[in-house]
Amino acid sequence: MERRNFLKNLGLGVAASIVAGKSVAGELTKSMNPDMTQLNTHEFPALPFEYNALEPYIDARTMELHYDKHHRTYFNNFEAAIKGTKFDTMPMEKIFASISAAGDPVRNNAGGFYNHWLFWNNLAAKSAGPSPKLKAELEKTFGSFDKFKDAFNTAAKTRFGSGWAWLYLTPDMVLATGSTPNQDNPLMDISPVKGTPLLLLDVWEHAYYLKYQNRRPEYIDAFWNVVNWEEVNKRFEQAS
């Protein structure tokens, strides 16, 4: 059986087992991010909405270029970087856990592939807001929901140059905000913040420049209108 078909079938099988409440395939089902099995199929994931679905906050042309050019390039470069290496059949989360030994081509492109995939799934035209459980934990940790947003916004605004802002659950099971440079993320062993990603915002200029030019704070404010809280709630439930 070809390697890619094997990985595809493995990913689908693990996802089905998770739904059924069973445990198979070792390390993949032990992950705090069981949905990451979708990324082990070596297939470029579909965008979960139409290009214009997030207007007026994120315009269709930006979405098209961001997804079909930037994200696809990270995916293609990641596939090329791991071909014929030990990372070729390694689960994504395990790659991140040893990313310091992987080299920059794997580090940058694995991060770019995963971070964008997670970002798309954290966006939606309409959302009901954080679940009562998540909202209570945000209020407990930050003092109020508005103070959480302020902390997240500060992480996004103060990231110098390119990178990402995060809400994540630390290994000690505490909610925290922070940022990472370039395409790093909290799952990487070299990351300045470490834990399970729940919510993220792309603050690379290509994510907002067509509409907002250099007005990053305006883009950050607009982001809160298209957060897919149902997805964030799900990730919080899975990790906590």
C-alpha atoms as a PDB file:
ATOM      1  CA  MET A   1       0.000   0.000   0.000  1.00  0.00           C
ATOM      2  CA  GLU A   2       1.367   3.415  -0.891  1.00  0.00           C
ATOM      3  CA  ARG A   3       2.506   5.541   2.035  1.00  0.00           C
ATOM      4  CA  ARG A   4       0.086   8.386   1.348  1.00  0.00           C
ATOM      5  CA  ASN A   5      -2.933   6.108   1.066  1.00  0.00           C
ATOM      6  CA  PHE A   6      -1.889   4.419   4.294  1.00  0.00           C
ATOM      7  CA  LEU A   7      -1.671   7.748   6.099  1.00  0.00           C
ATOM      8  CA  LYS A   8      -4.987   8.882   4.668  1.00  0.00           C
ATOM      9  CA  ASN A   9      -6.708   5.715   5.834  1.00  0.00           C
ATOM     10  CA  LEU A  10      -5.001   5.934   9.215  1.00  0.00           C
ATOM     11  CA  GLY A  11      -6.166   9.526   9.692  1.00  0.00           C
ATOM     12  CA  LEU A  12      -9.747   8.660   8.776  1.00  0.00           C
ATOM     13  CA  GLY A  13      -9.700   5.602  10.989  1.00  0.00           C
ATOM     14  CA  VAL A  14      -8.404   7.503  14.000  1.00  0.00           C
ATOM     15  CA  ALA A  15     -10.978  10.251  13.514  1.00  0.00           C
ATOM     16  CA  ALA A  16     -13.753   7.640  13.429  1.00  0.00           C
ATOM     17  CA  SER A  17     -12.408   5.979  16.555  1.00  0.00           C
ATOM     18  CA  ILE A  18     -12.329   9.273  18.418  1.00  0.00           C
ATOM     19  CA  VAL A  19     -15.981   9.865  17.561  1.00  0.00           C
ATOM     20  CA  ALA A  20     -16.818   6.367  18.730  1.00  0.00           C
ATOM     21  CA  GLY A  21     -14.925   6.912  21.968  1.00  0.00           C
ATOM     22  CA  LYS A  22     -12.373   4.184  21.176  1.00  0.00           C
ATOM     23  CA  SER A  23      -8.583   4.365  21.360  1.00  0.00           C
ATOM     24  CA  VAL A  24      -6.429   3.120  18.496  1.00  0.00           C
ATOM     25  CA  ALA A  25      -3.205   4.027  16.692  1.00  0.00           C
ATOM     26  CA  GLY A  26      -1.221   4.925  19.786  1.00  0.00           C
ATOM     27  CA  GLU A  27       0.239   8.400  19.789  1.00  0.00           C
ATOM     28  CA  LEU A  28      -2.383  10.009  17.555  1.00  0.00           C
ATOM     29  CA  THR A  29      -5.238   9.287  19.948  1.00  0.00           C
ATOM     30  CA  LYS A  30      -3.190  10.424  22.937  1.00  0.00           C
ATOM     31  CA  SER A  31      -2.918  13.884  21.369  1.00  0.00           C
ATOM     32  CA  MET A  32      -4.516  16.872  23.052  1.00  0.00           C
ATOM     33  CA  ASN A  33      -5.442  17.876  19.484  1.00  0.00           C
ATOM     34  CA  PRO A  34      -7.219  14.814  18.076  1.00  0.00           C
ATOM     35  CA  ASP A  35      -8.526  16.740  15.077  1.00  0.00           C
ATOM     36  CA  MET A  36      -4.910  17.198  13.950  1.00  0.00           C
ATOM     37  CA  THR A  37      -5.165  13.726  12.425  1.00  0.00           C
ATOM     38  CA  GLN A  38      -6.707  15.510   9.429  1.00  0.00           C
ATOM     39  CA  LEU A  39      -3.258  16.943   8.693  1.00  0.00           C
ATOM     40  CA  ASN A  40      -1.565  13.542   8.486  1.00  0.00           C
ATOM     41  CA  THR A  41      -3.212  12.638   5.172  1.00  0.00           C
ATOM     42  CA  HIS A  42      -0.817  14.676   2.980  1.00  0.00           C
ATOM     43  CA  GLU A  43      -3.760  16.391   1.321  1.00  0.00           C
ATOM     44  CA  PHE A  44      -4.345  20.125   1.173  1.00  0.00           C
ATOM     45  CA  PRO A  45      -7.441  20.815   3.322  1.00  0.00           C
ATOM     46  CA  ALA A  46     -10.411  22.669   1.879  1.00  0.00           C
ATOM     47  CA  LEU A  47     -11.294  26.155   3.086  1.00  0.00           C
ATOM     48  CA  PRO A  48     -14.350  25.731   5.367  1.00  0.00           C
ATOM     49  CA  PHE A  49     -16.213  28.726   3.902  1.00  0.00           C
ATOM     50  CA  GLU A  50     -16.512  30.778   0.706  1.00  0.00           C
ATOM     51  CA  TYR A  51     -13.963  33.507   0.016  1.00  0.00           C
ATOM     52  CA  ASN A  52     -16.557  36.234   0.624  1.00  0.00           C
ATOM     53  CA  ALA A  53     -18.116  34.660   3.731  1.00  0.00           C
ATOM     54  CA  LEU A  54     -16.345  36.958   6.198  1.00  0.00           C
ATOM     55  CA  GLU A  55     -16.998  40.291   4.489  1.00  0.00           C
ATOM     56  CA  PRO A  56     -16.875  43.132   5.328  1.00  0.00           C
ATOM     57  CA  TYR A  57     -14.349  42.226   8.039  1.00  0.00           C
ATOM     58  CA  ILE A  58     -12.074  40.115   5.822  1.00  0.00           C
ATOM     59  CA  ASP A  59     -12.515  40.735   2.108  1.00  0.00           C
ATOM     60  CA  ALA A  60     -12.856  38.016  -0.520  1.00  0.00           C
ATOM     61  CA  ARG A  61      -9.701  38.925  -2.455  1.00  0.00           C
ATOM     62  CA  THR A  62      -7.565  38.740   0.674  1.00  0.00           C
ATOM     63  CA  MET A  63      -9.078  35.366   1.565  1.00  0.00           C
ATOM     64  CA  GLU A  64      -8.478  34.000  -1.919  1.00  0.00           C
ATOM     65  CA  LEU A  65      -4.830  35.045  -1.998  1.00  0.00           C
ATOM     66  CA  HIS A  66      -4.221  34.082   1.610  1.00  0.00           C
ATOM     67  CA  TYR A  67      -5.650  30.579   1.224  1.00  0.00           C
ATOM     68  CA  ASP A  68      -4.848  29.638  -2.356  1.00  0.00           C
ATOM     69  CA  LYS A  69      -1.410  31.276  -2.591  1.00  0.00           C
ATOM     70  CA  HIS A  70       0.146  31.628   0.872  1.00  0.00           C
ATOM     71  CA  HIS A  71      -1.368  28.604   2.602  1.00  0.00           C
ATOM     72  CA  ARG A  72      -1.012  26.308  -0.398  1.00  0.00           C
ATOM     73  CA  THR A  73       2.633  27.308  -0.787  1.00  0.00           C
ATOM     74  CA  TYR A  74       3.360  26.410   2.841  1.00  0.00           C
ATOM     75  CA  PHE A  75       1.691  23.040   2.291  1.00  0.00           C
ATOM     76  CA  ASN A  76       3.631  22.300  -0.896  1.00  0.00           C
ATOM     77  CA  ASN A  77       6.934  23.380   0.655  1.00  0.00           C
ATOM     78  CA  PHE A  78       6.241  21.311   3.770  1.00  0.00           C
ATOM     79  CA  GLU A  79       5.578  18.226   1.655  1.00  0.00           C
ATOM     80  CA  ALA A  80       8.826  18.807  -0.244  1.00  0.00           C
ATOM     81  CA  ALA A  81      10.816  19.414   2.957  1.00  0.00           C
ATOM     82  CA  ILE A  82       9.782  16.151   4.640  1.00  0.00           C
ATOM     83  CA  LYS A  83       9.889  13.898   1.583  1.00  0.00           C
ATOM     84  CA  GLY A  84      12.250  11.015   2.182  1.00  0.00           C
ATOM     85  CA  THR A  85      12.956  12.018   5.781  1.00  0.00           C
ATOM     86  CA  LYS A  86      11.880  10.560   9.115  1.00  0.00           C
ATOM     87  CA  PHE A  87       9.248  13.300   9.297  1.00  0.00           C
ATOM     88  CA  ASP A  88       7.471  11.946   6.207  1.00  0.00           C
ATOM     89  CA  THR A  89       5.343   9.491   8.214  1.00  0.00           C
ATOM     90  CA  MET A  90       5.481  11.270  11.568  1.00  0.00           C
ATOM     91  CA  PRO A  91       2.272  12.743  13.079  1.00  0.00           C
ATOM     92  CA  MET A  92       2.226  16.544  12.897  1.00  0.00           C
ATOM     93  CA  GLU A  93       2.177  17.022  16.648  1.00  0.00           C
ATOM     94  CA  LYS A  94       5.270  14.832  17.044  1.00  0.00           C
ATOM     95  CA  ILE A  95       7.020  16.880  14.356  1.00  0.00           C
ATOM     96  CA  PHE A  96       6.304  20.015  16.364  1.00  0.00           C
ATOM     97  CA  ALA A  97       7.535  18.391  19.574  1.00  0.00           C
ATOM     98  CA  SER A  98      10.953  17.849  17.955  1.00  0.00           C
ATOM     99  CA  ILE A  99      10.965  20.824  15.599  1.00  0.00           C
ATOM    100  CA  SER A 100      14.290  22.125  16.959  1.00  0.00           C
ATOM    101  CA  ALA A 101      15.972  19.145  15.261  1.00  0.00           C
ATOM    102  CA  ALA A 102      14.013  19.442  12.012  1.00  0.00           C
ATOM    103  CA  GLY A 103      15.670  22.451  10.393  1.00  0.00           C
ATOM    104  CA  ASP A 104      14.164  25.708   9.167  1.00  0.00           C
ATOM    105  CA  PRO A 105      12.456  24.392   5.991  1.00  0.00           C
ATOM    106  CA  VAL A 106      10.377  21.944   8.059  1.00  0.00           C
ATOM    107  CA  ARG A 107       9.890  24.358  10.961  1.00  0.00           C
ATOM    108  CA  ASN A 108       8.694  27.272   8.836  1.00  0.00           C
ATOM    109  CA  ASN A 109       6.512  25.312   6.428  1.00  0.00           C
ATOM    110  CA  ALA A 110       5.008  22.890   8.939  1.00  0.00           C
ATOM    111  CA  GLY A 111       4.089  25.903  11.051  1.00  0.00           C
ATOM    112  CA  GLY A 112       2.698  27.791   8.088  1.00  0.00           C
ATOM    113  CA  PHE A 113       0.621  24.794   7.022  1.00  0.00           C
ATOM    114  CA  TYR A 114      -0.799  24.045  10.481  1.00  0.00           C
ATOM    115  CA  ASN A 115      -1.266  27.627  11.690  1.00  0.00           C
ATOM    116  CA  HIS A 116      -3.290  28.624   8.637  1.00  0.00           C
ATOM    117  CA  TRP A 117      -5.412  25.472   8.800  1.00  0.00           C
ATOM    118  CA  LEU A 118      -6.233  26.215  12.428  1.00  0.00           C
ATOM    119  CA  PHE A 119      -6.882  29.883  11.623  1.00  0.00           C
ATOM    120  CA  TRP A 120      -9.462  29.086   8.932  1.00  0.00           C
ATOM    121  CA  ASN A 121     -11.312  26.795  11.324  1.00  0.00           C
ATOM    122  CA  ASN A 122     -11.319  29.550  13.951  1.00  0.00           C
ATOM    123  CA  LEU A 123     -13.252  31.857  11.593  1.00  0.00           C
ATOM    124  CA  ALA A 124     -16.978  31.979  10.806  1.00  0.00           C
ATOM    125  CA  ALA A 125     -19.538  34.517   9.636  1.00  0.00           C
ATOM    126  CA  LYS A 126     -21.733  33.976  12.707  1.00  0.00           C
ATOM    127  CA  SER A 127     -21.053  32.529  16.131  1.00  0.00           C
ATOM    128  CA  ALA A 128     -22.879  32.366  19.449  1.00  0.00           C
ATOM    129  CA  GLY A 129     -19.839  33.228  21.557  1.00  0.00           C
ATOM    130  CA  PRO A 130     -17.811  31.287  24.108  1.00  0.00           C
ATOM    131  CA  SER A 131     -19.519  28.468  25.968  1.00  0.00           C
ATOM    132  CA  PRO A 132     -20.484  29.091  29.597  1.00  0.00           C
ATOM    133  CA  LYS A 133     -17.584  26.881  30.694  1.00  0.00           C
ATOM    134  CA  LEU A 134     -15.004  28.684  28.569  1.00  0.00           C
ATOM    135  CA  LYS A 135     -16.382  32.120  29.400  1.00  0.00           C
ATOM    136  CA  ALA A 136     -16.228  31.347  33.121  1.00  0.00           C
ATOM    137  CA  GLU A 137     -12.629  30.199  32.792  1.00  0.00           C
ATOM    138  CA  LEU A 138     -11.703  33.323  30.804  1.00  0.00           C
ATOM    139  CA  GLU A 139     -13.285  35.511  33.465  1.00  0.00           C
ATOM    140  CA  LYS A 140     -11.520  33.590  36.230  1.00  0.00           C
ATOM    141  CA  THR A 141      -8.127  33.892  34.524  1.00  0.00           C
ATOM    142  CA  PHE A 142      -8.267  37.433  33.127  1.00  0.00           C
ATOM    143  CA  GLY A 143     -10.834  39.135  35.381  1.00  0.00           C
ATOM    144  CA  SER A 144     -13.468  39.590  32.660  1.00  0.00           C
ATOM    145  CA  PHE A 145     -14.134  38.686  29.044  1.00  0.00           C
ATOM    146  CA  ASP A 146     -13.212  42.224  27.963  1.00  0.00           C
ATOM    147  CA  LYS A 147      -9.904  41.989  29.831  1.00  0.00           C
ATOM    148  CA  PHE A 148      -9.181  38.738  28.008  1.00  0.00           C
ATOM    149  CA  LYS A 149      -9.802  40.478  24.684  1.00  0.00           C
ATOM    150  CA  ASP A 150      -7.511  43.322  25.755  1.00  0.00           C
ATOM    151  CA  ALA A 151      -4.750  40.833  26.600  1.00  0.00           C
ATOM    152  CA  PHE A 152      -5.182  39.007  23.287  1.00  0.00           C
ATOM    153  CA  ASN A 153      -5.257  42.290  21.364  1.00  0.00           C
ATOM    154  CA  THR A 154      -2.081  43.444  23.089  1.00  0.00           C
ATOM    155  CA  ALA A 155      -0.327  40.218  22.094  1.00  0.00           C
ATOM    156  CA  ALA A 156      -1.413  40.796  18.484  1.00  0.00           C
ATOM    157  CA  LYS A 157      -0.549  44.496  18.386  1.00  0.00           C
ATOM    158  CA  THR A 158       2.853  44.185  20.018  1.00  0.00           C
ATOM    159  CA  ARG A 159       4.158  41.273  17.935  1.00  0.00           C
ATOM    160  CA  PHE A 160       6.967  43.010  16.073  1.00  0.00           C
ATOM    161  CA  GLY A 161       7.014  42.101  12.400  1.00  0.00           C
ATOM    162  CA  SER A 162       5.277  38.906  11.329  1.00  0.00           C
ATOM    163  CA  GLY A 163       3.708  36.287  13.563  1.00  0.00           C
ATOM    164  CA  TRP A 164       0.622  35.120  15.433  1.00  0.00           C
ATOM    165  CA  ALA A 165      -1.369  35.939  18.572  1.00  0.00           C
ATOM    166  CA  TRP A 166      -2.698  33.035  20.644  1.00  0.00           C
ATOM    167  CA  LEU A 167      -5.132  31.984  23.313  1.00  0.00           C
ATOM    168  CA  TYR A 168      -3.813  28.660  24.555  1.00  0.00           C
ATOM    169  CA  LEU A 169      -4.070  26.228  27.430  1.00  0.00           C
ATOM    170  CA  THR A 170      -0.742  25.790  29.208  1.00  0.00           C
ATOM    171  CA  PRO A 171       0.583  22.348  30.238  1.00  0.00           C
ATOM    172  CA  ASP A 172      -0.611  23.310  33.749  1.00  0.00           C
ATOM    173  CA  MET A 173      -4.142  23.671  32.313  1.00  0.00           C
ATOM    174  CA  VAL A 174      -4.262  27.463  32.681  1.00  0.00           C
ATOM    175  CA  LEU A 175      -5.548  29.785  29.950  1.00  0.00           C
ATOM    176  CA  ALA A 176      -2.972  32.259  28.659  1.00  0.00           C
ATOM    177  CA  THR A 177      -2.378  34.687  25.795  1.00  0.00           C
ATOM    178  CA  GLY A 178       0.848  35.363  23.958  1.00  0.00           C
ATOM    179  CA  SER A 179       2.441  35.588  20.546  1.00  0.00           C
ATOM    180  CA  THR A 180       4.971  33.761  18.417  1.00  0.00           C
ATOM    181  CA  PRO A 181       7.199  35.003  15.594  1.00  0.00           C
ATOM    182  CA  ASN A 182       6.978  33.941  11.971  1.00  0.00           C
ATOM    183  CA  GLN A 183       5.210  30.545  11.717  1.00  0.00           C
ATOM    184  CA  ASP A 184       6.032  29.217  15.186  1.00  0.00           C
ATOM    185  CA  ASN A 185       3.219  27.951  17.417  1.00  0.00           C
ATOM    186  CA  PRO A 186       2.734  26.815  21.037  1.00  0.00           C
ATOM    187  CA  LEU A 187       3.103  23.127  20.119  1.00  0.00           C
ATOM    188  CA  MET A 188       6.744  23.608  19.060  1.00  0.00           C
ATOM    189  CA  ASP A 189       9.564  22.774  21.433  1.00  0.00           C
ATOM    190  CA  ILE A 190      11.270  26.078  20.557  1.00  0.00           C
ATOM    191  CA  SER A 191       8.196  28.265  21.094  1.00  0.00           C
ATOM    192  CA  PRO A 192       8.336  31.118  23.653  1.00  0.00           C
ATOM    193  CA  VAL A 193       4.782  30.104  24.672  1.00  0.00           C
ATOM    194  CA  LYS A 194       3.848  26.436  25.060  1.00  0.00           C
ATOM    195  CA  GLY A 195       0.513  24.657  25.307  1.00  0.00           C
ATOM    196  CA  THR A 196      -2.579  23.666  23.356  1.00  0.00           C
ATOM    197  CA  PRO A 197      -3.771  26.307  20.845  1.00  0.00           C
ATOM    198  CA  LEU A 198      -7.405  27.375  21.201  1.00  0.00           C
ATOM    199  CA  LEU A 199      -7.662  30.640  19.246  1.00  0.00           C
ATOM    200  CA  LEU A 200      -5.182  32.420  16.995  1.00  0.00           C
ATOM    201  CA  LEU A 201      -4.871  35.498  14.815  1.00  0.00           C
ATOM    202  CA  ASP A 202      -2.555  35.905  11.849  1.00  0.00           C
ATOM    203  CA  VAL A 203      -0.744  39.253  12.066  1.00  0.00           C
ATOM    204  CA  TRP A 204       1.436  38.835   9.000  1.00  0.00           C
ATOM    205  CA  GLU A 205       0.789  41.829   6.719  1.00  0.00           C
ATOM    206  CA  HIS A 206      -0.508  39.617   3.898  1.00  0.00           C
ATOM    207  CA  ALA A 207      -3.449  38.722   6.177  1.00  0.00           C
ATOM    208  CA  TYR A 208      -4.821  42.255   6.193  1.00  0.00           C
ATOM    209  CA  TYR A 209      -2.862  44.683   3.999  1.00  0.00           C
ATOM    210  CA  LEU A 210      -5.209  44.805   0.990  1.00  0.00           C
ATOM    211  CA  LYS A 211      -8.077  46.077   3.157  1.00  0.00           C
ATOM    212  CA  TYR A 212      -6.426  47.661   6.190  1.00  0.00           C
ATOM    213  CA  GLN A 213      -2.998  48.652   4.843  1.00  0.00           C
ATOM    214  CA  ASN A 214      -0.791  49.386   7.905  1.00  0.00           C
ATOM    215  CA  ARG A 215      -3.754  49.645  10.315  1.00  0.00           C
ATOM    216  CA  ARG A 216      -3.160  46.419  12.203  1.00  0.00           C
ATOM    217  CA  PRO A 217      -5.218  47.520  15.266  1.00  0.00           C
ATOM    218  CA  GLU A 218      -8.268  48.035  13.023  1.00  0.00           C
ATOM    219  CA  TYR A 219      -7.845  44.536  11.586  1.00  0.00           C
ATOM    220  CA  ILE A 220      -7.518  43.106  15.094  1.00  0.00           C
ATOM    221  CA  ASP A 221     -10.733  44.791  16.200  1.00  0.00           C
ATOM    222  CA  ALA A 222     -12.559  43.472  13.109  1.00  0.00           C
ATOM    223  CA  PHE A 223     -11.370  39.937  13.860  1.00  0.00           C
ATOM    224  CA  TRP A 224     -13.710  39.624  16.861  1.00  0.00           C
ATOM    225  CA  ASN A 225     -16.710  39.800  14.502  1.00  0.00           C
ATOM    226  CA  VAL A 226     -15.697  36.550  12.768  1.00  0.00           C
ATOM    227  CA  VAL A 227     -14.385  34.327  15.576  1.00  0.00           C
ATOM    228  CA  ASN A 228     -15.810  30.816  15.329  1.00  0.00           C
ATOM    229  CA  TRP A 229     -16.460  30.321  19.036  1.00  0.00           C
ATOM    230  CA  GLU A 230     -18.044  26.924  18.449  1.00  0.00           C
ATOM    231  CA  GLU A 231     -14.677  25.680  17.190  1.00  0.00           C
ATOM    232  CA  VAL A 232     -12.816  27.333  20.076  1.00  0.00           C
ATOM    233  CA  ASN A 233     -15.280  25.810  22.549  1.00  0.00           C
ATOM    234  CA  LYS A 234     -14.694  22.379  21.023  1.00  0.00           C
ATOM    235  CA  ARG A 235     -10.924  22.688  21.314  1.00  0.00           C
ATOM    236  CA  PHE A 236     -11.221  23.827  24.912  1.00  0.00           C
ATOM    237  CA  GLU A 237     -13.439  20.845  25.752  1.00  0.00           C
ATOM    238  CA  GLN A 238     -11.014  18.449  24.069  1.00  0.00           C
ATOM    239  CA  ALA A 239      -8.008  19.842  25.903  1.00  0.00           C
ATOM    240  CA  SER A 240      -9.439  20.477  29.374  1.00  0.00           C
END
